[in-house]
């Protein structure tokens, strides 16, 4: 699956199996530096973690379910099949 910005068509991220590749260099740098902050009510879904970092098996889930919805204005992006 690819995460595509609806207006520009830019592929922001791609899921490959259980991993997520970030194609935007600025976003990638931010996520590597800070990780994804998990709000307290959702932490049980992320093994109690307050932050999920790049390389964590839960990173793709945290990106999709938390970061995209809270930080990126989910309505501006859409997931599409690779084809």
C-alpha atoms as a PDB file:
ATOM      1  CA  UNK A   1       0.000   0.000   0.000  1.00  0.00           C
ATOM      2  CA  UNK A   2       1.087   3.555  -0.689  1.00  0.00           C
ATOM      3  CA  UNK A   3       0.106   6.676   1.247  1.00  0.00           C
ATOM      4  CA  UNK A   4      -0.486   9.365  -1.346  1.00  0.00           C
ATOM      5  CA  UNK A   5      -1.096  13.093  -0.896  1.00  0.00           C
ATOM      6  CA  UNK A   6      -4.411  13.648  -2.682  1.00  0.00           C
ATOM      7  CA  UNK A   7      -3.547  17.026  -4.210  1.00  0.00           C
ATOM      8  CA  UNK A   8       0.015  16.452  -5.396  1.00  0.00           C
ATOM      9  CA  UNK A   9       0.063  12.680  -5.886  1.00  0.00           C
ATOM     10  CA  UNK A  10       3.320  12.488  -3.890  1.00  0.00           C
ATOM     11  CA  UNK A  11       3.895   9.065  -2.325  1.00  0.00           C
ATOM     12  CA  UNK A  12       4.590   9.922   1.325  1.00  0.00           C
ATOM     13  CA  UNK A  13       5.027   6.374   2.594  1.00  0.00           C
ATOM     14  CA  UNK A  14       4.811   2.763   1.480  1.00  0.00           C
ATOM     15  CA  UNK A  15       3.949  -0.327   3.466  1.00  0.00           C
ATOM     16  CA  UNK A  16       6.069  -3.347   2.649  1.00  0.00           C
ATOM     17  CA  UNK A  17       4.853  -6.332   4.614  1.00  0.00           C
ATOM     18  CA  UNK A  18       4.996  -5.312   8.274  1.00  0.00           C
ATOM     19  CA  UNK A  19       7.404  -2.430   7.658  1.00  0.00           C
ATOM     20  CA  UNK A  20       6.780   1.138   6.588  1.00  0.00           C
ATOM     21  CA  UNK A  21       9.100   3.153   4.360  1.00  0.00           C
ATOM     22  CA  UNK A  22       8.833   6.946   4.638  1.00  0.00           C
ATOM     23  CA  UNK A  23       9.597   8.673   1.314  1.00  0.00           C
ATOM     24  CA  UNK A  24       9.469  12.269   2.559  1.00  0.00           C
ATOM     25  CA  UNK A  25      12.959  13.106   3.886  1.00  0.00           C
ATOM     26  CA  UNK A  26      11.707  15.766   6.312  1.00  0.00           C
ATOM     27  CA  UNK A  27       9.032  13.496   7.765  1.00  0.00           C
ATOM     28  CA  UNK A  28      11.492  10.609   7.964  1.00  0.00           C
ATOM     29  CA  UNK A  29      14.000  12.750   9.891  1.00  0.00           C
ATOM     30  CA  UNK A  30      11.309  13.951  12.327  1.00  0.00           C
ATOM     31  CA  UNK A  31      10.043  10.432  12.978  1.00  0.00           C
ATOM     32  CA  UNK A  32      13.551   9.062  13.495  1.00  0.00           C
ATOM     33  CA  UNK A  33      14.340  11.880  15.909  1.00  0.00           C
ATOM     34  CA  UNK A  34      11.097  12.002  17.897  1.00  0.00           C
ATOM     35  CA  UNK A  35       9.213   8.798  17.185  1.00  0.00           C
ATOM     36  CA  UNK A  36       5.422   8.778  17.382  1.00  0.00           C
ATOM     37  CA  UNK A  37       3.887   9.944  20.651  1.00  0.00           C
ATOM     38  CA  UNK A  38       1.029   7.695  21.712  1.00  0.00           C
ATOM     39  CA  UNK A  39      -1.814   9.373  23.624  1.00  0.00           C
ATOM     40  CA  UNK A  40      -2.437   7.835  27.050  1.00  0.00           C
ATOM     41  CA  UNK A  41      -5.855   6.356  26.154  1.00  0.00           C
ATOM     42  CA  UNK A  42      -4.313   4.414  23.242  1.00  0.00           C
ATOM     43  CA  UNK A  43      -1.172   3.093  24.938  1.00  0.00           C
ATOM     44  CA  UNK A  44      -2.710  -0.279  25.807  1.00  0.00           C
ATOM     45  CA  UNK A  45      -2.917  -0.945  22.052  1.00  0.00           C
ATOM     46  CA  UNK A  46       0.829  -0.249  21.772  1.00  0.00           C
ATOM     47  CA  UNK A  47       2.168  -2.417  24.614  1.00  0.00           C
ATOM     48  CA  UNK A  48       1.900   0.508  27.049  1.00  0.00           C
ATOM     49  CA  UNK A  49       4.457   2.583  25.138  1.00  0.00           C
ATOM     50  CA  UNK A  50       4.360   6.383  25.317  1.00  0.00           C
ATOM     51  CA  UNK A  51       6.490   6.629  22.153  1.00  0.00           C
ATOM     52  CA  UNK A  52       6.880   4.216  19.250  1.00  0.00           C
ATOM     53  CA  UNK A  53      10.134   4.613  17.343  1.00  0.00           C
ATOM     54  CA  UNK A  54      11.284   3.732  13.822  1.00  0.00           C
ATOM     55  CA  UNK A  55      12.280   0.068  13.783  1.00  0.00           C
ATOM     56  CA  UNK A  56       9.710  -0.938  16.403  1.00  0.00           C
ATOM     57  CA  UNK A  57       7.357  -3.672  15.115  1.00  0.00           C
ATOM     58  CA  UNK A  58       4.456  -1.380  16.106  1.00  0.00           C
ATOM     59  CA  UNK A  59       5.749   1.578  14.072  1.00  0.00           C
ATOM     60  CA  UNK A  60       3.563   1.015  10.978  1.00  0.00           C
ATOM     61  CA  UNK A  61       0.474   0.631  13.163  1.00  0.00           C
ATOM     62  CA  UNK A  62       1.355   3.777  15.148  1.00  0.00           C
ATOM     63  CA  UNK A  63       1.926   5.728  11.943  1.00  0.00           C
ATOM     64  CA  UNK A  64      -1.392   4.676  10.461  1.00  0.00           C
ATOM     65  CA  UNK A  65      -3.579   4.842  13.572  1.00  0.00           C
ATOM     66  CA  UNK A  66      -2.006   7.750  15.469  1.00  0.00           C
ATOM     67  CA  UNK A  67       0.421   9.925  13.522  1.00  0.00           C
ATOM     68  CA  UNK A  68      -1.569  10.127  10.304  1.00  0.00           C
ATOM     69  CA  UNK A  69      -4.829  10.937  12.068  1.00  0.00           C
ATOM     70  CA  UNK A  70      -3.465  13.433  14.591  1.00  0.00           C
ATOM     71  CA  UNK A  71      -0.540  15.102  12.840  1.00  0.00           C
ATOM     72  CA  UNK A  72      -1.165  14.927   9.112  1.00  0.00           C
ATOM     73  CA  UNK A  73      -4.823  15.723   8.551  1.00  0.00           C
ATOM     74  CA  UNK A  74      -5.884  12.287   7.369  1.00  0.00           C
ATOM     75  CA  UNK A  75      -8.362  13.758   4.848  1.00  0.00           C
ATOM     76  CA  UNK A  76      -5.471  15.066   2.722  1.00  0.00           C
ATOM     77  CA  UNK A  77      -4.011  11.594   2.203  1.00  0.00           C
ATOM     78  CA  UNK A  78      -5.243   8.225   1.023  1.00  0.00           C
ATOM     79  CA  UNK A  79      -3.910   4.669   1.009  1.00  0.00           C
ATOM     80  CA  UNK A  80      -3.848   2.995  -2.386  1.00  0.00           C
ATOM     81  CA  UNK A  81      -2.780  -0.423  -3.595  1.00  0.00           C
ATOM     82  CA  UNK A  82       0.632  -0.445  -5.230  1.00  0.00           C
ATOM     83  CA  UNK A  83      -0.793  -1.239  -8.628  1.00  0.00           C
END
